[in-house]
């Protein structure tokens, strides 16, 4: 019983870490996009568009992992009841 609780706590901690990463990414992404549009309009440089699209590609696996952890936590919490 104690091991199950430790496993659940570890899963919740990992889920919270992934959630924080996703929140940070979704806060940073519009800022980088606005900066990219600004620099493109003023300087004609599309260099900042690379991080905008890279951030999306990098955080898709993080989102998938978050969803699977969230589902696992929910199933374990329902199994306890």
PDB file of N, CA and C in Angstrom:
ATOM      1  N   UNK A   1       0.825  -1.191   0.000  1.00  0.00           N
ATOM      2  CA  UNK A   1       0.000   0.000   0.000  1.00  0.00           C
ATOM      3  C   UNK A   1       0.870   1.255   0.000  1.00  0.00           C
ATOM      4  N   UNK A   2       1.921   1.241   0.790  1.00  0.00           N
ATOM      5  CA  UNK A   2       2.812   2.397   0.885  1.00  0.00           C
ATOM      6  C   UNK A   2       3.566   2.613  -0.425  1.00  0.00           C
ATOM      7  N   UNK A   3       3.961   1.506  -1.081  1.00  0.00           N
ATOM      8  CA  UNK A   3       4.649   1.617  -2.367  1.00  0.00           C
ATOM      9  C   UNK A   3       3.731   2.203  -3.435  1.00  0.00           C
ATOM     10  N   UNK A   4       2.456   1.820  -3.389  1.00  0.00           N
ATOM     11  CA  UNK A   4       1.494   2.374  -4.345  1.00  0.00           C
ATOM     12  C   UNK A   4       1.370   3.879  -4.167  1.00  0.00           C
ATOM     13  N   UNK A   5       1.354   4.312  -2.926  1.00  0.00           N
ATOM     14  CA  UNK A   5       1.243   5.747  -2.633  1.00  0.00           C
ATOM     15  C   UNK A   5       2.494   6.485  -3.105  1.00  0.00           C
ATOM     16  N   UNK A   6       3.671   5.885  -2.927  1.00  0.00           N
ATOM     17  CA  UNK A   6       4.914   6.501  -3.388  1.00  0.00           C
ATOM     18  C   UNK A   6       4.942   6.596  -4.906  1.00  0.00           C
ATOM     19  N   UNK A   7       4.487   5.527  -5.568  1.00  0.00           N
ATOM     20  CA  UNK A   7       4.427   5.543  -7.033  1.00  0.00           C
ATOM     21  C   UNK A   7       3.477   6.616  -7.528  1.00  0.00           C
ATOM     22  N   UNK A   8       2.335   6.736  -6.869  1.00  0.00           N
ATOM     23  CA  UNK A   8       1.364   7.751  -7.258  1.00  0.00           C
ATOM     24  C   UNK A   8       1.925   9.149  -7.038  1.00  0.00           C
ATOM     25  N   UNK A   9       2.603   9.354  -5.929  1.00  0.00           N
ATOM     26  CA  UNK A   9       3.217  10.661  -5.663  1.00  0.00           C
ATOM     27  C   UNK A   9       4.293  10.997  -6.693  1.00  0.00           C
ATOM     28  N   UNK A  10       5.057   9.994  -7.100  1.00  0.00           N
ATOM     29  CA  UNK A  10       6.091  10.206  -8.120  1.00  0.00           C
ATOM     30  C   UNK A  10       5.452  10.551  -9.462  1.00  0.00           C
ATOM     31  N   UNK A  11       4.381   9.856  -9.819  1.00  0.00           N
ATOM     32  CA  UNK A  11       3.682  10.160 -11.060  1.00  0.00           C
ATOM     33  C   UNK A  11       3.090  11.569 -11.034  1.00  0.00           C
ATOM     34  N   UNK A  12       2.532  11.949  -9.906  1.00  0.00           N
ATOM     35  CA  UNK A  12       1.961  13.292  -9.785  1.00  0.00           C
ATOM     36  C   UNK A  12       3.047  14.345  -9.898  1.00  0.00           C
ATOM     37  N   UNK A  13       4.201  14.084  -9.294  1.00  0.00           N
ATOM     38  CA  UNK A  13       5.316  15.035  -9.381  1.00  0.00           C
ATOM     39  C   UNK A  13       5.798  15.177 -10.827  1.00  0.00           C
ATOM     40  N   UNK A  14       5.938  14.054 -11.522  1.00  0.00           N
ATOM     41  CA  UNK A  14       6.344  14.102 -12.934  1.00  0.00           C
ATOM     42  C   UNK A  14       5.305  14.821 -13.788  1.00  0.00           C
ATOM     43  N   UNK A  15       4.036  14.556 -13.516  1.00  0.00           N
ATOM     44  CA  UNK A  15       2.963  15.226 -14.255  1.00  0.00           C
ATOM     45  C   UNK A  15       3.019  16.737 -14.037  1.00  0.00           C
ATOM     46  N   UNK A  16       3.274  17.144 -12.800  1.00  0.00           N
ATOM     47  CA  UNK A  16       3.350  18.575 -12.498  1.00  0.00           C
ATOM     48  C   UNK A  16       4.536  19.242 -13.187  1.00  0.00           C
ATOM     49  N   UNK A  17       5.645  18.525 -13.312  1.00  0.00           N
ATOM     50  CA  UNK A  17       6.811  19.059 -14.015  1.00  0.00           C
ATOM     51  C   UNK A  17       6.492  19.271 -15.490  1.00  0.00           C
ATOM     52  N   UNK A  18       5.867  18.268 -16.102  1.00  0.00           N
ATOM     53  CA  UNK A  18       5.487  18.402 -17.515  1.00  0.00           C
ATOM     54  C   UNK A  18       4.466  19.515 -17.707  1.00  0.00           C
ATOM     55  N   UNK A  19       3.564  19.646 -16.765  1.00  0.00           N
ATOM     56  CA  UNK A  19       2.561  20.708 -16.846  1.00  0.00           C
ATOM     57  C   UNK A  19       3.226  22.080 -16.773  1.00  0.00           C
ATOM     58  N   UNK A  20       4.192  22.239 -15.892  1.00  0.00           N
ATOM     59  CA  UNK A  20       4.915  23.509 -15.782  1.00  0.00           C
ATOM     60  C   UNK A  20       5.687  23.818 -17.069  1.00  0.00           C
ATOM     61  N   UNK A  21       6.302  22.808 -17.651  1.00  0.00           N
ATOM     62  CA  UNK A  21       7.010  23.003 -18.915  1.00  0.00           C
ATOM     63  C   UNK A  21       6.068  23.467 -20.022  1.00  0.00           C
ATOM     64  N   UNK A  22       4.903  22.850 -20.081  1.00  0.00           N
ATOM     65  CA  UNK A  22       3.936  23.227 -21.109  1.00  0.00           C
ATOM     66  C   UNK A  22       3.395  24.641 -20.892  1.00  0.00           C
ATOM     67  N   UNK A  23       3.157  25.000 -19.658  1.00  0.00           N
ATOM     68  CA  UNK A  23       2.688  26.359 -19.373  1.00  0.00           C
ATOM     69  C   UNK A  23       3.742  27.375 -19.783  1.00  0.00           C
ATOM     70  N   UNK A  24       4.993  27.113 -19.450  1.00  0.00           N
ATOM     71  CA  UNK A  24       6.082  28.023 -19.850  1.00  0.00           C
ATOM     72  C   UNK A  24       6.189  28.131 -21.363  1.00  0.00           C
ATOM     73  N   UNK A  25       6.054  27.018 -22.034  1.00  0.00           N
ATOM     74  CA  UNK A  25       6.151  27.028 -23.494  1.00  0.00           C
ATOM     75  C   UNK A  25       5.023  27.837 -24.113  1.00  0.00           C
ATOM     76  N   UNK A  26       3.823  27.683 -23.578  1.00  0.00           N
ATOM     77  CA  UNK A  26       2.691  28.415 -24.147  1.00  0.00           C
ATOM     78  C   UNK A  26       2.689  29.880 -23.755  1.00  0.00           C
ATOM     79  N   UNK A  27       3.467  30.260 -22.755  1.00  0.00           N
ATOM     80  CA  UNK A  27       3.659  31.682 -22.447  1.00  0.00           C
ATOM     81  C   UNK A  27       4.750  32.265 -23.336  1.00  0.00           C
ATOM     82  N   UNK A  28       5.825  31.517 -23.529  1.00  0.00           N
ATOM     83  CA  UNK A  28       6.936  32.001 -24.344  1.00  0.00           C
ATOM     84  C   UNK A  28       6.631  32.032 -25.832  1.00  0.00           C
ATOM     85  N   UNK A  29       5.843  31.080 -26.309  1.00  0.00           N
ATOM     86  CA  UNK A  29       5.616  30.950 -27.742  1.00  0.00           C
ATOM     87  C   UNK A  29       5.019  32.207 -28.366  1.00  0.00           C
ATOM     88  N   UNK A  30       3.954  32.802 -27.805  1.00  0.00           N
ATOM     89  CA  UNK A  30       3.427  34.034 -28.424  1.00  0.00           C
ATOM     90  C   UNK A  30       4.422  35.184 -28.375  1.00  0.00           C
ATOM     91  N   UNK A  31       5.212  35.258 -27.304  1.00  0.00           N
ATOM     92  CA  UNK A  31       6.222  36.324 -27.203  1.00  0.00           C
ATOM     93  C   UNK A  31       7.270  36.186 -28.306  1.00  0.00           C
ATOM     94  N   UNK A  32       7.729  34.973 -28.527  1.00  0.00           N
ATOM     95  CA  UNK A  32       8.715  34.742 -29.585  1.00  0.00           C
ATOM     96  C   UNK A  32       8.091  34.996 -30.952  1.00  0.00           C
ATOM     97  N   UNK A  33       6.834  34.610 -31.130  1.00  0.00           N
ATOM     98  CA  UNK A  33       6.145  34.844 -32.402  1.00  0.00           C
ATOM     99  C   UNK A  33       5.999  36.341 -32.671  1.00  0.00           C
ATOM    100  N   UNK A  34       5.622  37.105 -31.677  1.00  0.00           N
ATOM    101  CA  UNK A  34       5.496  38.559 -31.840  1.00  0.00           C
ATOM    102  C   UNK A  34       6.854  39.171 -32.157  1.00  0.00           C
ATOM    103  N   UNK A  35       7.895  38.723 -31.466  1.00  0.00           N
ATOM    104  CA  UNK A  35       9.241  39.238 -31.749  1.00  0.00           C
ATOM    105  C   UNK A  35       9.669  38.879 -33.166  1.00  0.00           C
ATOM    106  N   UNK A  36       9.344  37.689 -33.608  1.00  0.00           N
ATOM    107  CA  UNK A  36       9.703  37.264 -34.967  1.00  0.00           C
ATOM    108  C   UNK A  36       8.986  38.122 -36.001  1.00  0.00           C
ATOM    109  N   UNK A  37       7.710  38.378 -35.775  1.00  0.00           N
ATOM    110  CA  UNK A  37       6.953  39.218 -36.712  1.00  0.00           C
ATOM    111  C   UNK A  37       7.507  40.635 -36.720  1.00  0.00           C
ATOM    112  N   UNK A  38       7.835  41.157 -35.545  1.00  0.00           N
ATOM    113  CA  UNK A  38       8.396  42.507 -35.451  1.00  0.00           C
ATOM    114  C   UNK A  38       9.725  42.605 -36.205  1.00  0.00           C
ATOM    115  N   UNK A  39      10.628  41.671 -35.935  1.00  0.00           N
ATOM    116  CA  UNK A  39      11.930  41.721 -36.604  1.00  0.00           C
ATOM    117  C   UNK A  39      11.809  41.474 -38.102  1.00  0.00           C
ATOM    118  N   UNK A  40      10.844  40.680 -38.500  1.00  0.00           N
ATOM    119  CA  UNK A  40      10.636  40.463 -39.931  1.00  0.00           C
ATOM    120  C   UNK A  40      10.141  41.744 -40.601  1.00  0.00           C
ATOM    121  N   UNK A  41       9.248  42.457 -39.928  1.00  0.00           N
ATOM    122  CA  UNK A  41       8.718  43.686 -40.522  1.00  0.00           C
ATOM    123  C   UNK A  41       9.742  44.814 -40.522  1.00  0.00           C
ATOM    124  N   UNK A  42      10.601  44.868 -39.512  1.00  0.00           N
ATOM    125  CA  UNK A  42      11.586  45.961 -39.412  1.00  0.00           C
ATOM    126  C   UNK A  42      12.886  45.649 -40.144  1.00  0.00           C
ATOM    127  N   UNK A  43      13.366  44.446 -40.045  1.00  0.00           N
ATOM    128  CA  UNK A  43      14.686  44.101 -40.576  1.00  0.00           C
ATOM    129  C   UNK A  43      14.630  43.155 -41.770  1.00  0.00           C
ATOM    130  N   UNK A  44      13.512  42.509 -41.965  1.00  0.00           N
ATOM    131  CA  UNK A  44      13.402  41.554 -43.061  1.00  0.00           C
ATOM    132  C   UNK A  44      14.077  40.228 -42.757  1.00  0.00           C
ATOM    133  N   UNK A  45      14.338  39.961 -41.475  1.00  0.00           N
ATOM    134  CA  UNK A  45      15.018  38.729 -41.073  1.00  0.00           C
ATOM    135  C   UNK A  45      13.999  37.694 -40.605  1.00  0.00           C
ATOM    136  N   UNK A  46      14.103  36.509 -41.157  1.00  0.00           N
ATOM    137  CA  UNK A  46      13.187  35.440 -40.736  1.00  0.00           C
ATOM    138  C   UNK A  46      13.863  34.472 -39.758  1.00  0.00           C
ATOM    139  N   UNK A  47      14.991  34.886 -39.203  1.00  0.00           N
ATOM    140  CA  UNK A  47      15.747  33.998 -38.316  1.00  0.00           C
ATOM    141  C   UNK A  47      14.975  33.632 -37.062  1.00  0.00           C
ATOM    142  N   UNK A  48      14.134  34.522 -36.552  1.00  0.00           N
ATOM    143  CA  UNK A  48      13.402  34.209 -35.329  1.00  0.00           C
ATOM    144  C   UNK A  48      12.211  33.286 -35.560  1.00  0.00           C
ATOM    145  N   UNK A  49      11.853  33.042 -36.800  1.00  0.00           N
ATOM    146  CA  UNK A  49      10.767  32.101 -37.053  1.00  0.00           C
ATOM    147  C   UNK A  49      11.215  30.662 -36.816  1.00  0.00           C
ATOM    148  N   UNK A  50      12.507  30.420 -36.848  1.00  0.00           N
ATOM    149  CA  UNK A  50      13.030  29.071 -36.590  1.00  0.00           C
ATOM    150  C   UNK A  50      12.702  28.616 -35.165  1.00  0.00           C
ATOM    151  N   UNK A  51      12.968  29.428 -34.118  1.00  0.00           N
ATOM    152  CA  UNK A  51      12.589  28.984 -32.769  1.00  0.00           C
ATOM    153  C   UNK A  51      11.086  28.834 -32.579  1.00  0.00           C
ATOM    154  N   UNK A  52      10.301  29.635 -33.283  1.00  0.00           N
ATOM    155  CA  UNK A  52       8.846  29.535 -33.147  1.00  0.00           C
ATOM    156  C   UNK A  52       8.369  28.149 -33.558  1.00  0.00           C
ATOM    157  N   UNK A  53       8.836  27.679 -34.705  1.00  0.00           N
ATOM    158  CA  UNK A  53       8.397  26.370 -35.183  1.00  0.00           C
ATOM    159  C   UNK A  53       9.112  25.231 -34.472  1.00  0.00           C
ATOM    160  N   UNK A  54      10.327  25.475 -34.022  1.00  0.00           N
ATOM    161  CA  UNK A  54      11.062  24.457 -33.275  1.00  0.00           C
ATOM    162  C   UNK A  54      10.404  24.199 -31.925  1.00  0.00           C
ATOM    163  N   UNK A  55       9.921  25.253 -31.282  1.00  0.00           N
ATOM    164  CA  UNK A  55       9.268  25.098 -29.989  1.00  0.00           C
ATOM    165  C   UNK A  55       8.036  24.202 -30.105  1.00  0.00           C
ATOM    166  N   UNK A  56       7.298  24.367 -31.180  1.00  0.00           N
ATOM    167  CA  UNK A  56       6.122  23.517 -31.390  1.00  0.00           C
ATOM    168  C   UNK A  56       6.551  22.063 -31.548  1.00  0.00           C
ATOM    169  N   UNK A  57       7.557  21.828 -32.361  1.00  0.00           N
ATOM    170  CA  UNK A  57       8.016  20.456 -32.614  1.00  0.00           C
ATOM    171  C   UNK A  57       8.601  19.808 -31.369  1.00  0.00           C
ATOM    172  N   UNK A  58       9.246  20.591 -30.532  1.00  0.00           N
ATOM    173  CA  UNK A  58       9.870  20.042 -29.325  1.00  0.00           C
ATOM    174  C   UNK A  58       8.817  19.702 -28.266  1.00  0.00           C
ATOM    175  N   UNK A  59       7.781  20.519 -28.158  1.00  0.00           N
ATOM    176  CA  UNK A  59       6.832  20.322 -27.074  1.00  0.00           C
ATOM    177  C   UNK A  59       5.667  19.398 -27.411  1.00  0.00           C
ATOM    178  N   UNK A  60       5.581  18.911 -28.619  1.00  0.00           N
ATOM    179  CA  UNK A  60       4.554  17.905 -28.933  1.00  0.00           C
ATOM    180  C   UNK A  60       4.816  16.613 -28.153  1.00  0.00           C
ATOM    181  N   UNK A  61       6.045  16.084 -28.113  1.00  0.00           N
ATOM    182  CA  UNK A  61       6.277  14.885 -27.284  1.00  0.00           C
ATOM    183  C   UNK A  61       6.063  15.136 -25.793  1.00  0.00           C
ATOM    184  N   UNK A  62       6.367  16.350 -25.332  1.00  0.00           N
ATOM    185  CA  UNK A  62       6.137  16.677 -23.920  1.00  0.00           C
ATOM    186  C   UNK A  62       4.639  16.634 -23.625  1.00  0.00           C
ATOM    187  N   UNK A  63       3.835  17.167 -24.541  1.00  0.00           N
ATOM    188  CA  UNK A  63       2.387  17.145 -24.370  1.00  0.00           C
ATOM    189  C   UNK A  63       1.849  15.713 -24.380  1.00  0.00           C
ATOM    190  N   UNK A  64       2.373  14.896 -25.258  1.00  0.00           N
ATOM    191  CA  UNK A  64       1.941  13.494 -25.325  1.00  0.00           C
ATOM    192  C   UNK A  64       2.294  12.766 -24.025  1.00  0.00           C
ATOM    193  N   UNK A  65       3.484  13.011 -23.512  1.00  0.00           N
ATOM    194  CA  UNK A  65       3.897  12.392 -22.250  1.00  0.00           C
ATOM    195  C   UNK A  65       3.027  12.893 -21.098  1.00  0.00           C
ATOM    196  N   UNK A  66       2.716  14.175 -21.100  1.00  0.00           N
ATOM    197  CA  UNK A  66       1.852  14.744 -20.059  1.00  0.00           C
ATOM    198  C   UNK A  66       0.478  14.084 -20.079  1.00  0.00           C
ATOM    199  N   UNK A  67      -0.081  13.906 -21.261  1.00  0.00           N
ATOM    200  CA  UNK A  67      -1.407  13.284 -21.362  1.00  0.00           C
ATOM    201  C   UNK A  67      -1.388  11.851 -20.857  1.00  0.00           C
ATOM    202  N   UNK A  68      -0.334  11.108 -21.187  1.00  0.00           N
ATOM    203  CA  UNK A  68      -0.273   9.722 -20.721  1.00  0.00           C
ATOM    204  C   UNK A  68      -0.082   9.650 -19.202  1.00  0.00           C
ATOM    205  N   UNK A  69       0.747  10.544 -18.653  1.00  0.00           N
ATOM    206  CA  UNK A  69       0.919  10.578 -17.197  1.00  0.00           C
ATOM    207  C   UNK A  69      -0.382  10.963 -16.509  1.00  0.00           C
ATOM    208  N   UNK A  70      -1.085  11.923 -17.070  1.00  0.00           N
ATOM    209  CA  UNK A  70      -2.344  12.363 -16.494  1.00  0.00           C
ATOM    210  C   UNK A  70      -3.364  11.223 -16.492  1.00  0.00           C
ATOM    211  N   UNK A  71      -3.439  10.495 -17.578  1.00  0.00           N
ATOM    212  CA  UNK A  71      -4.356   9.356 -17.650  1.00  0.00           C
ATOM    213  C   UNK A  71      -3.974   8.276 -16.640  1.00  0.00           C
ATOM    214  N   UNK A  72      -2.679   8.035 -16.487  1.00  0.00           N
ATOM    215  CA  UNK A  72      -2.226   7.015 -15.542  1.00  0.00           C
ATOM    216  C   UNK A  72      -2.529   7.418 -14.105  1.00  0.00           C
ATOM    217  N   UNK A  73      -2.324   8.695 -13.783  1.00  0.00           N
ATOM    218  CA  UNK A  73      -2.630   9.186 -12.436  1.00  0.00           C
ATOM    219  C   UNK A  73      -4.123   9.053 -12.164  1.00  0.00           C
ATOM    220  N   UNK A  74      -4.943   9.435 -13.127  1.00  0.00           N
ATOM    221  CA  UNK A  74      -6.394   9.327 -12.937  1.00  0.00           C
ATOM    222  C   UNK A  74      -6.827   7.880 -12.743  1.00  0.00           C
ATOM    223  N   UNK A  75      -6.244   6.968 -13.515  1.00  0.00           N
ATOM    224  CA  UNK A  75      -6.634   5.559 -13.377  1.00  0.00           C
ATOM    225  C   UNK A  75      -6.203   4.995 -12.026  1.00  0.00           C
ATOM    226  N   UNK A  76      -5.020   5.402 -11.552  1.00  0.00           N
ATOM    227  CA  UNK A  76      -4.558   4.913 -10.248  1.00  0.00           C
ATOM    228  C   UNK A  76      -5.383   5.516  -9.124  1.00  0.00           C
ATOM    229  N   UNK A  77      -5.776   6.795  -9.265  1.00  0.00           N
ATOM    230  CA  UNK A  77      -6.601   7.412  -8.229  1.00  0.00           C
ATOM    231  C   UNK A  77      -7.986   6.766  -8.186  1.00  0.00           C
ATOM    232  N   UNK A  78      -8.549   6.431  -9.336  1.00  0.00           N
ATOM    233  CA  UNK A  78      -9.844   5.774  -9.360  1.00  0.00           C
ATOM    234  C   UNK A  78      -9.749   4.337  -8.864  1.00  0.00           C
ATOM    235  N   UNK A  79      -8.609   3.705  -9.085  1.00  0.00           N
ATOM    236  CA  UNK A  79      -8.408   2.346  -8.612  1.00  0.00           C
ATOM    237  C   UNK A  79      -8.307   2.281  -7.100  1.00  0.00           C
ATOM    238  N   UNK A  80      -7.857   3.360  -6.487  1.00  0.00           N
ATOM    239  CA  UNK A  80      -7.752   3.417  -5.026  1.00  0.00           C
ATOM    240  C   UNK A  80      -9.123   3.503  -4.366  1.00  0.00           C
ATOM    241  N   UNK A  81     -10.048   4.172  -5.043  1.00  0.00           N
ATOM    242  CA  UNK A  81     -11.350   4.401  -4.421  1.00  0.00           C
ATOM    243  C   UNK A  81     -12.121   3.165  -4.327  1.00  0.00           C
TER     244      UNK A  81
END
